[in-house]
PDB file of N, CA and C in Angstrom:
ATOM      1  N   UNK A   1      34.034 -55.767 -19.984  1.00  0.00           N
ATOM      2  CA  UNK A   1      34.067 -55.474 -18.576  1.00  0.00           C
ATOM      3  C   UNK A   1      34.824 -56.549 -17.807  1.00  0.00           C
ATOM      4  N   UNK A   2      34.719 -57.781 -18.281  1.00  0.00           N
ATOM      5  CA  UNK A   2      35.416 -58.864 -17.577  1.00  0.00           C
ATOM      6  C   UNK A   2      36.923 -58.632 -17.597  1.00  0.00           C
ATOM      7  N   UNK A   3      37.466 -58.214 -18.727  1.00  0.00           N
ATOM      8  CA  UNK A   3      38.904 -57.966 -18.822  1.00  0.00           C
ATOM      9  C   UNK A   3      39.285 -56.783 -17.942  1.00  0.00           C
ATOM     10  N   UNK A   4      38.474 -55.756 -17.950  1.00  0.00           N
ATOM     11  CA  UNK A   4      38.730 -54.593 -17.099  1.00  0.00           C
ATOM     12  C   UNK A   4      38.771 -55.004 -15.628  1.00  0.00           C
ATOM     13  N   UNK A   5      37.790 -55.773 -15.210  1.00  0.00           N
ATOM     14  CA  UNK A   5      37.737 -56.216 -13.821  1.00  0.00           C
ATOM     15  C   UNK A   5      38.931 -57.104 -13.475  1.00  0.00           C
ATOM     16  N   UNK A   6      39.323 -57.980 -14.400  1.00  0.00           N
ATOM     17  CA  UNK A   6      40.481 -58.843 -14.164  1.00  0.00           C
ATOM     18  C   UNK A   6      41.753 -58.007 -14.015  1.00  0.00           C
ATOM     19  N   UNK A   7      41.900 -57.015 -14.861  1.00  0.00           N
ATOM     20  CA  UNK A   7      43.096 -56.166 -14.802  1.00  0.00           C
ATOM     21  C   UNK A   7      43.115 -55.353 -13.508  1.00  0.00           C
ATOM     22  N   UNK A   8      41.951 -54.859 -13.113  1.00  0.00           N
ATOM     23  CA  UNK A   8      41.875 -54.126 -11.852  1.00  0.00           C
ATOM     24  C   UNK A   8      42.277 -55.031 -10.686  1.00  0.00           C
ATOM     25  N   UNK A   9      41.808 -56.276 -10.717  1.00  0.00           N
ATOM     26  CA  UNK A   9      42.161 -57.216  -9.654  1.00  0.00           C
ATOM     27  C   UNK A   9      43.660 -57.485  -9.651  1.00  0.00           C
ATOM     28  N   UNK A  10      44.254 -57.600 -10.843  1.00  0.00           N
ATOM     29  CA  UNK A  10      45.696 -57.820 -10.927  1.00  0.00           C
ATOM     30  C   UNK A  10      46.469 -56.638 -10.334  1.00  0.00           C
ATOM     31  N   UNK A  11      45.854 -55.462 -10.348  1.00  0.00           N
ATOM     32  CA  UNK A  11      46.478 -54.272  -9.779  1.00  0.00           C
ATOM     33  C   UNK A  11      46.161 -54.093  -8.289  1.00  0.00           C
ATOM     34  N   UNK A  12      45.429 -55.064  -7.739  1.00  0.00           N
ATOM     35  CA  UNK A  12      45.151 -55.023  -6.309  1.00  0.00           C
ATOM     36  C   UNK A  12      43.770 -54.514  -5.926  1.00  0.00           C
ATOM     37  N   UNK A  13      42.909 -54.254  -6.910  1.00  0.00           N
ATOM     38  CA  UNK A  13      41.559 -53.764  -6.652  1.00  0.00           C
ATOM     39  C   UNK A  13      40.583 -54.926  -6.735  1.00  0.00           C
ATOM     40  N   UNK A  14      40.071 -55.370  -5.603  1.00  0.00           N
ATOM     41  CA  UNK A  14      39.184 -56.520  -5.533  1.00  0.00           C
ATOM     42  C   UNK A  14      37.782 -56.069  -5.149  1.00  0.00           C
ATOM     43  N   UNK A  15      36.821 -56.420  -6.000  1.00  0.00           N
ATOM     44  CA  UNK A  15      35.440 -56.025  -5.747  1.00  0.00           C
ATOM     45  C   UNK A  15      34.960 -56.623  -4.433  1.00  0.00           C
ATOM     46  N   UNK A  16      34.311 -55.783  -3.624  1.00  0.00           N
ATOM     47  CA  UNK A  16      33.824 -56.211  -2.328  1.00  0.00           C
ATOM     48  C   UNK A  16      34.829 -55.997  -1.212  1.00  0.00           C
ATOM     49  N   UNK A  17      36.086 -55.789  -1.577  1.00  0.00           N
ATOM     50  CA  UNK A  17      37.115 -55.553  -0.568  1.00  0.00           C
ATOM     51  C   UNK A  17      37.533 -54.084  -0.574  1.00  0.00           C
ATOM     52  N   UNK A  18      37.988 -53.591  -1.738  1.00  0.00           N
ATOM     53  CA  UNK A  18      38.446 -52.206  -1.794  1.00  0.00           C
ATOM     54  C   UNK A  18      37.956 -51.447  -3.029  1.00  0.00           C
ATOM     55  N   UNK A  19      37.011 -52.040  -3.744  1.00  0.00           N
ATOM     56  CA  UNK A  19      36.423 -51.357  -4.900  1.00  0.00           C
ATOM     57  C   UNK A  19      35.005 -51.879  -5.120  1.00  0.00           C
ATOM     58  N   UNK A  20      34.165 -51.013  -5.639  1.00  0.00           N
ATOM     59  CA  UNK A  20      32.804 -51.409  -6.007  1.00  0.00           C
ATOM     60  C   UNK A  20      32.568 -50.936  -7.434  1.00  0.00           C
ATOM     61  N   UNK A  21      32.080 -51.826  -8.290  1.00  0.00           N
ATOM     62  CA  UNK A  21      31.748 -51.473  -9.660  1.00  0.00           C
ATOM     63  C   UNK A  21      30.245 -51.240  -9.742  1.00  0.00           C
ATOM     64  N   UNK A  22      29.860 -50.088 -10.259  1.00  0.00           N
ATOM     65  CA  UNK A  22      28.455 -49.740 -10.428  1.00  0.00           C
ATOM     66  C   UNK A  22      28.225 -49.575 -11.923  1.00  0.00           C
ATOM     67  N   UNK A  23      27.295 -50.320 -12.473  1.00  0.00           N
ATOM     68  CA  UNK A  23      27.055 -50.321 -13.912  1.00  0.00           C
ATOM     69  C   UNK A  23      25.814 -49.534 -14.264  1.00  0.00           C
ATOM     70  N   UNK A  24      25.915 -48.750 -15.319  1.00  0.00           N
ATOM     71  CA  UNK A  24      24.775 -48.059 -15.903  1.00  0.00           C
ATOM     72  C   UNK A  24      24.944 -48.139 -17.418  1.00  0.00           C
ATOM     73  N   UNK A  25      23.852 -48.353 -18.135  1.00  0.00           N
ATOM     74  CA  UNK A  25      23.889 -48.473 -19.593  1.00  0.00           C
ATOM     75  C   UNK A  25      22.878 -47.505 -20.203  1.00  0.00           C
ATOM     76  N   UNK A  26      23.313 -46.718 -21.165  1.00  0.00           N
ATOM     77  CA  UNK A  26      22.410 -45.760 -21.810  1.00  0.00           C
ATOM     78  C   UNK A  26      22.127 -46.112 -23.263  1.00  0.00           C
ATOM     79  N   UNK A  27      22.716 -47.170 -23.759  1.00  0.00           N
ATOM     80  CA  UNK A  27      22.543 -47.597 -25.160  1.00  0.00           C
ATOM     81  C   UNK A  27      22.851 -46.464 -26.132  1.00  0.00           C
ATOM     82  N   UNK A  28      23.830 -45.622 -25.777  1.00  0.00           N
ATOM     83  CA  UNK A  28      24.244 -44.545 -26.664  1.00  0.00           C
ATOM     84  C   UNK A  28      23.338 -43.330 -26.641  1.00  0.00           C
ATOM     85  N   UNK A  29      22.311 -43.326 -25.825  1.00  0.00           N
ATOM     86  CA  UNK A  29      21.374 -42.205 -25.724  1.00  0.00           C
ATOM     87  C   UNK A  29      22.009 -41.114 -24.866  1.00  0.00           C
ATOM     88  N   UNK A  30      22.336 -39.972 -25.473  1.00  0.00           N
ATOM     89  CA  UNK A  30      23.044 -38.907 -24.771  1.00  0.00           C
ATOM     90  C   UNK A  30      22.228 -38.314 -23.630  1.00  0.00           C
ATOM     91  N   UNK A  31      20.932 -38.170 -23.805  1.00  0.00           N
ATOM     92  CA  UNK A  31      20.086 -37.613 -22.745  1.00  0.00           C
ATOM     93  C   UNK A  31      20.088 -38.551 -21.539  1.00  0.00           C
ATOM     94  N   UNK A  32      19.893 -39.826 -21.804  1.00  0.00           N
ATOM     95  CA  UNK A  32      19.909 -40.794 -20.714  1.00  0.00           C
ATOM     96  C   UNK A  32      21.305 -40.878 -20.088  1.00  0.00           C
ATOM     97  N   UNK A  33      22.353 -40.759 -20.914  1.00  0.00           N
ATOM     98  CA  UNK A  33      23.724 -40.806 -20.393  1.00  0.00           C
ATOM     99  C   UNK A  33      23.972 -39.674 -19.412  1.00  0.00           C
ATOM    100  N   UNK A  34      23.450 -38.482 -19.697  1.00  0.00           N
ATOM    101  CA  UNK A  34      23.593 -37.360 -18.762  1.00  0.00           C
ATOM    102  C   UNK A  34      22.889 -37.664 -17.439  1.00  0.00           C
ATOM    103  N   UNK A  35      21.704 -38.233 -17.519  1.00  0.00           N
ATOM    104  CA  UNK A  35      20.962 -38.587 -16.306  1.00  0.00           C
ATOM    105  C   UNK A  35      21.723 -39.634 -15.493  1.00  0.00           C
ATOM    106  N   UNK A  36      22.264 -40.621 -16.194  1.00  0.00           N
ATOM    107  CA  UNK A  36      23.011 -41.676 -15.501  1.00  0.00           C
ATOM    108  C   UNK A  36      24.313 -41.149 -14.918  1.00  0.00           C
ATOM    109  N   UNK A  37      24.960 -40.216 -15.618  1.00  0.00           N
ATOM    110  CA  UNK A  37      26.184 -39.605 -15.089  1.00  0.00           C
ATOM    111  C   UNK A  37      25.878 -38.859 -13.801  1.00  0.00           C
ATOM    112  N   UNK A  38      24.777 -38.120 -13.787  1.00  0.00           N
ATOM    113  CA  UNK A  38      24.376 -37.416 -12.558  1.00  0.00           C
ATOM    114  C   UNK A  38      24.109 -38.410 -11.433  1.00  0.00           C
ATOM    115  N   UNK A  39      23.494 -39.535 -11.778  1.00  0.00           N
ATOM    116  CA  UNK A  39      23.226 -40.569 -10.782  1.00  0.00           C
ATOM    117  C   UNK A  39      24.535 -41.112 -10.202  1.00  0.00           C
ATOM    118  N   UNK A  40      25.509 -41.369 -11.058  1.00  0.00           N
ATOM    119  CA  UNK A  40      26.804 -41.861 -10.592  1.00  0.00           C
ATOM    120  C   UNK A  40      27.498 -40.829  -9.702  1.00  0.00           C
ATOM    121  N   UNK A  41      27.359 -39.568 -10.041  1.00  0.00           N
ATOM    122  CA  UNK A  41      27.946 -38.516  -9.212  1.00  0.00           C
ATOM    123  C   UNK A  41      27.251 -38.433  -7.860  1.00  0.00           C
ATOM    124  N   UNK A  42      25.933 -38.608  -7.851  1.00  0.00           N
ATOM    125  CA  UNK A  42      25.188 -38.619  -6.586  1.00  0.00           C
ATOM    126  C   UNK A  42      25.629 -39.780  -5.698  1.00  0.00           C
ATOM    127  N   UNK A  43      26.095 -40.862  -6.323  1.00  0.00           N
ATOM    128  CA  UNK A  43      26.603 -42.014  -5.577  1.00  0.00           C
ATOM    129  C   UNK A  43      28.055 -41.810  -5.140  1.00  0.00           C
ATOM    130  N   UNK A  44      28.594 -40.652  -5.446  1.00  0.00           N
ATOM    131  CA  UNK A  44      29.959 -40.258  -5.079  1.00  0.00           C
ATOM    132  C   UNK A  44      31.012 -41.177  -5.709  1.00  0.00           C
ATOM    133  N   UNK A  45      30.834 -41.470  -6.970  1.00  0.00           N
ATOM    134  CA  UNK A  45      31.800 -42.302  -7.698  1.00  0.00           C
ATOM    135  C   UNK A  45      33.147 -41.601  -7.752  1.00  0.00           C
ATOM    136  N   UNK A  46      34.200 -42.386  -7.578  1.00  0.00           N
ATOM    137  CA  UNK A  46      35.553 -41.838  -7.636  1.00  0.00           C
ATOM    138  C   UNK A  46      36.064 -41.728  -9.062  1.00  0.00           C
ATOM    139  N   UNK A  47      35.620 -42.639  -9.934  1.00  0.00           N
ATOM    140  CA  UNK A  47      36.049 -42.692 -11.328  1.00  0.00           C
ATOM    141  C   UNK A  47      34.873 -43.170 -12.157  1.00  0.00           C
ATOM    142  N   UNK A  48      34.775 -42.657 -13.393  1.00  0.00           N
ATOM    143  CA  UNK A  48      33.747 -43.126 -14.325  1.00  0.00           C
ATOM    144  C   UNK A  48      34.451 -43.675 -15.556  1.00  0.00           C
ATOM    145  N   UNK A  49      33.995 -44.810 -16.043  1.00  0.00           N
ATOM    146  CA  UNK A  49      34.499 -45.429 -17.267  1.00  0.00           C
ATOM    147  C   UNK A  49      33.386 -45.361 -18.303  1.00  0.00           C
ATOM    148  N   UNK A  50      33.683 -44.786 -19.471  1.00  0.00           N
ATOM    149  CA  UNK A  50      32.689 -44.699 -20.540  1.00  0.00           C
ATOM    150  C   UNK A  50      33.145 -45.517 -21.743  1.00  0.00           C
ATOM    151  N   UNK A  51      32.181 -45.854 -22.620  1.00  0.00           N
ATOM    152  CA  UNK A  51      32.530 -46.744 -23.728  1.00  0.00           C
ATOM    153  C   UNK A  51      32.030 -46.295 -25.095  1.00  0.00           C
ATOM    154  N   UNK A  52      31.806 -45.011 -25.283  1.00  0.00           N
ATOM    155  CA  UNK A  52      31.449 -44.507 -26.615  1.00  0.00           C
ATOM    156  C   UNK A  52      31.583 -42.993 -26.629  1.00  0.00           C
ATOM    157  N   UNK A  53      31.612 -42.425 -27.816  1.00  0.00           N
ATOM    158  CA  UNK A  53      31.720 -40.975 -27.930  1.00  0.00           C
ATOM    159  C   UNK A  53      30.520 -40.251 -27.312  1.00  0.00           C
ATOM    160  N   UNK A  54      29.261 -40.644 -27.646  1.00  0.00           N
ATOM    161  CA  UNK A  54      28.129 -39.910 -27.075  1.00  0.00           C
ATOM    162  C   UNK A  54      28.090 -39.957 -25.543  1.00  0.00           C
ATOM    163  N   UNK A  55      28.396 -41.096 -24.979  1.00  0.00           N
ATOM    164  CA  UNK A  55      28.371 -41.229 -23.520  1.00  0.00           C
ATOM    165  C   UNK A  55      29.518 -40.432 -22.900  1.00  0.00           C
ATOM    166  N   UNK A  56      30.681 -40.463 -23.510  1.00  0.00           N
ATOM    167  CA  UNK A  56      31.827 -39.714 -22.997  1.00  0.00           C
ATOM    168  C   UNK A  56      31.551 -38.213 -23.018  1.00  0.00           C
ATOM    169  N   UNK A  57      30.974 -37.733 -24.108  1.00  0.00           N
ATOM    170  CA  UNK A  57      30.631 -36.310 -24.203  1.00  0.00           C
ATOM    171  C   UNK A  57      29.590 -35.949 -23.141  1.00  0.00           C
ATOM    172  N   UNK A  58      28.616 -36.812 -22.936  1.00  0.00           N
ATOM    173  CA  UNK A  58      27.589 -36.553 -21.919  1.00  0.00           C
ATOM    174  C   UNK A  58      28.203 -36.470 -20.530  1.00  0.00           C
ATOM    175  N   UNK A  59      29.118 -37.375 -20.224  1.00  0.00           N
ATOM    176  CA  UNK A  59      29.778 -37.345 -18.912  1.00  0.00           C
ATOM    177  C   UNK A  59      30.658 -36.102 -18.801  1.00  0.00           C
ATOM    178  N   UNK A  60      31.378 -35.776 -19.864  1.00  0.00           N
ATOM    179  CA  UNK A  60      32.222 -34.570 -19.858  1.00  0.00           C
ATOM    180  C   UNK A  60      31.381 -33.333 -19.550  1.00  0.00           C
ATOM    181  N   UNK A  61      30.190 -33.264 -20.138  1.00  0.00           N
ATOM    182  CA  UNK A  61      29.317 -32.112 -19.929  1.00  0.00           C
ATOM    183  C   UNK A  61      28.690 -32.098 -18.538  1.00  0.00           C
ATOM    184  N   UNK A  62      28.689 -33.228 -17.864  1.00  0.00           N
ATOM    185  CA  UNK A  62      28.059 -33.349 -16.550  1.00  0.00           C
ATOM    186  C   UNK A  62      29.025 -33.051 -15.409  1.00  0.00           C
ATOM    187  N   UNK A  63      30.281 -33.447 -15.564  1.00  0.00           N
ATOM    188  CA  UNK A  63      31.241 -33.247 -14.471  1.00  0.00           C
ATOM    189  C   UNK A  63      32.603 -32.792 -14.998  1.00  0.00           C
ATOM    190  N   UNK A  64      33.079 -31.659 -14.516  1.00  0.00           N
ATOM    191  CA  UNK A  64      34.414 -31.205 -14.905  1.00  0.00           C
ATOM    192  C   UNK A  64      35.515 -31.714 -13.987  1.00  0.00           C
ATOM    193  N   UNK A  65      35.144 -32.473 -12.947  1.00  0.00           N
ATOM    194  CA  UNK A  65      36.158 -32.860 -11.957  1.00  0.00           C
ATOM    195  C   UNK A  65      36.332 -34.358 -11.755  1.00  0.00           C
ATOM    196  N   UNK A  66      35.275 -35.153 -11.878  1.00  0.00           N
ATOM    197  CA  UNK A  66      35.404 -36.586 -11.623  1.00  0.00           C
ATOM    198  C   UNK A  66      36.257 -37.227 -12.715  1.00  0.00           C
ATOM    199  N   UNK A  67      37.333 -37.916 -12.341  1.00  0.00           N
ATOM    200  CA  UNK A  67      38.166 -38.570 -13.350  1.00  0.00           C
ATOM    201  C   UNK A  67      37.328 -39.532 -14.203  1.00  0.00           C
ATOM    202  N   UNK A  68      37.514 -39.420 -15.513  1.00  0.00           N
ATOM    203  CA  UNK A  68      36.750 -40.244 -16.452  1.00  0.00           C
ATOM    204  C   UNK A  68      37.708 -40.886 -17.447  1.00  0.00           C
ATOM    205  N   UNK A  69      37.587 -42.184 -17.581  1.00  0.00           N
ATOM    206  CA  UNK A  69      38.386 -42.954 -18.534  1.00  0.00           C
ATOM    207  C   UNK A  69      37.452 -43.376 -19.654  1.00  0.00           C
ATOM    208  N   UNK A  70      37.845 -43.108 -20.887  1.00  0.00           N
ATOM    209  CA  UNK A  70      36.984 -43.477 -22.012  1.00  0.00           C
ATOM    210  C   UNK A  70      37.658 -44.502 -22.904  1.00  0.00           C
ATOM    211  N   UNK A  71      36.836 -45.339 -23.509  1.00  0.00           N
ATOM    212  CA  UNK A  71      37.273 -46.297 -24.524  1.00  0.00           C
ATOM    213  C   UNK A  71      36.306 -46.206 -25.690  1.00  0.00           C
ATOM    214  N   UNK A  72      36.715 -46.677 -26.823  1.00  0.00           N
ATOM    215  CA  UNK A  72      35.904 -46.715 -28.043  1.00  0.00           C
ATOM    216  C   UNK A  72      35.459 -45.327 -28.494  1.00  0.00           C
ATOM    217  N   UNK A  73      36.327 -44.336 -28.330  1.00  0.00           N
ATOM    218  CA  UNK A  73      36.116 -43.005 -28.885  1.00  0.00           C
ATOM    219  C   UNK A  73      37.135 -42.884 -30.007  1.00  0.00           C
ATOM    220  N   UNK A  74      36.662 -42.922 -31.243  1.00  0.00           N
ATOM    221  CA  UNK A  74      37.576 -43.039 -32.381  1.00  0.00           C
ATOM    222  C   UNK A  74      38.456 -41.807 -32.579  1.00  0.00           C
ATOM    223  N   UNK A  75      37.949 -40.606 -32.376  1.00  0.00           N
ATOM    224  CA  UNK A  75      38.754 -39.395 -32.523  1.00  0.00           C
ATOM    225  C   UNK A  75      38.423 -38.433 -31.396  1.00  0.00           C
ATOM    226  N   UNK A  76      39.023 -38.645 -30.227  1.00  0.00           N
ATOM    227  CA  UNK A  76      38.666 -37.844 -29.066  1.00  0.00           C
ATOM    228  C   UNK A  76      38.970 -36.355 -29.215  1.00  0.00           C
ATOM    229  N   UNK A  77      39.969 -36.002 -30.013  1.00  0.00           N
ATOM    230  CA  UNK A  77      40.279 -34.593 -30.220  1.00  0.00           C
ATOM    231  C   UNK A  77      39.183 -33.956 -31.063  1.00  0.00           C
ATOM    232  N   UNK A  78      38.841 -34.581 -32.181  1.00  0.00           N
ATOM    233  CA  UNK A  78      37.796 -34.052 -33.070  1.00  0.00           C
ATOM    234  C   UNK A  78      36.439 -34.000 -32.368  1.00  0.00           C
ATOM    235  N   UNK A  79      36.173 -34.961 -31.492  1.00  0.00           N
ATOM    236  CA  UNK A  79      34.892 -35.004 -30.771  1.00  0.00           C
ATOM    237  C   UNK A  79      34.857 -33.985 -29.628  1.00  0.00           C
ATOM    238  N   UNK A  80      35.988 -33.336 -29.346  1.00  0.00           N
ATOM    239  CA  UNK A  80      36.033 -32.359 -28.268  1.00  0.00           C
ATOM    240  C   UNK A  80      36.131 -32.967 -26.885  1.00  0.00           C
ATOM    241  N   UNK A  81      36.506 -34.234 -26.841  1.00  0.00           N
ATOM    242  CA  UNK A  81      36.620 -34.922 -25.549  1.00  0.00           C
ATOM    243  C   UNK A  81      37.905 -34.510 -24.825  1.00  0.00           C
ATOM    244  N   UNK A  82      38.991 -34.366 -25.571  1.00  0.00           N
ATOM    245  CA  UNK A  82      40.275 -33.949 -25.007  1.00  0.00           C
ATOM    246  C   UNK A  82      40.888 -32.860 -25.886  1.00  0.00           C
ATOM    247  N   UNK A  83      41.826 -32.115 -25.303  1.00  0.00           N
ATOM    248  CA  UNK A  83      42.501 -31.049 -26.055  1.00  0.00           C
ATOM    249  C   UNK A  83      43.478 -31.625 -27.079  1.00  0.00           C
ATOM    250  N   UNK A  84      44.233 -32.633 -26.654  1.00  0.00           N
ATOM    251  CA  UNK A  84      45.164 -33.311 -27.556  1.00  0.00           C
ATOM    252  C   UNK A  84      45.453 -34.688 -26.974  1.00  0.00           C
ATOM    253  N   UNK A  85      45.990 -35.573 -27.812  1.00  0.00           N
ATOM    254  CA  UNK A  85      46.311 -36.916 -27.317  1.00  0.00           C
ATOM    255  C   UNK A  85      47.482 -36.891 -26.345  1.00  0.00           C
ATOM    256  N   UNK A  86      48.440 -36.000 -26.604  1.00  0.00           N
ATOM    257  CA  UNK A  86      49.618 -35.909 -25.736  1.00  0.00           C
ATOM    258  C   UNK A  86      49.292 -35.265 -24.395  1.00  0.00           C
ATOM    259  N   UNK A  87      48.392 -34.306 -24.401  1.00  0.00           N
ATOM    260  CA  UNK A  87      48.011 -33.583 -23.181  1.00  0.00           C
ATOM    261  C   UNK A  87      46.491 -33.424 -23.179  1.00  0.00           C
ATOM    262  N   UNK A  88      45.805 -34.459 -22.659  1.00  0.00           N
ATOM    263  CA  UNK A  88      44.344 -34.442 -22.729  1.00  0.00           C
ATOM    264  C   UNK A  88      43.710 -33.272 -21.985  1.00  0.00           C
ATOM    265  N   UNK A  89      44.327 -32.853 -20.877  1.00  0.00           N
ATOM    266  CA  UNK A  89      43.750 -31.770 -20.092  1.00  0.00           C
ATOM    267  C   UNK A  89      42.462 -32.225 -19.407  1.00  0.00           C
ATOM    268  N   UNK A  90      41.944 -31.403 -18.545  1.00  0.00           N
ATOM    269  CA  UNK A  90      40.685 -31.712 -17.895  1.00  0.00           C
ATOM    270  C   UNK A  90      40.718 -32.996 -17.087  1.00  0.00           C
ATOM    271  N   UNK A  91      39.567 -33.643 -17.015  1.00  0.00           N
ATOM    272  CA  UNK A  91      39.416 -34.830 -16.183  1.00  0.00           C
ATOM    273  C   UNK A  91      39.215 -36.108 -16.992  1.00  0.00           C
ATOM    274  N   UNK A  92      39.404 -36.037 -18.320  1.00  0.00           N
ATOM    275  CA  UNK A  92      39.185 -37.206 -19.174  1.00  0.00           C
ATOM    276  C   UNK A  92      40.488 -37.717 -19.776  1.00  0.00           C
ATOM    277  N   UNK A  93      40.569 -39.031 -19.889  1.00  0.00           N
ATOM    278  CA  UNK A  93      41.710 -39.651 -20.561  1.00  0.00           C
ATOM    279  C   UNK A  93      41.242 -40.968 -21.161  1.00  0.00           C
ATOM    280  N   UNK A  94      41.948 -41.438 -22.155  1.00  0.00           N
ATOM    281  CA  UNK A  94      41.545 -42.691 -22.806  1.00  0.00           C
ATOM    282  C   UNK A  94      42.698 -43.610 -23.029  1.00  0.00           C
TER     283      UNK A  94
END
């Protein structure tokens, strides 16, 4: 997260000025991830960042519109997260 925040700052996004980071952790629990995704949507999050296949799938199943960036998904096509690597489709990208 530190590297992500540093890179965002390098792009002009400074926490407390023009961006707010809200953290939720589900420890890979898909049921809890769905609940947390709904919570983030209730907070009107503009973007969601996920860090595993189960959490990414849970977020995908929760929102078809909120942009979602995923990391640490070893085979996003096989997991059904995206249609293809060249053209992910939907609201998810990695």
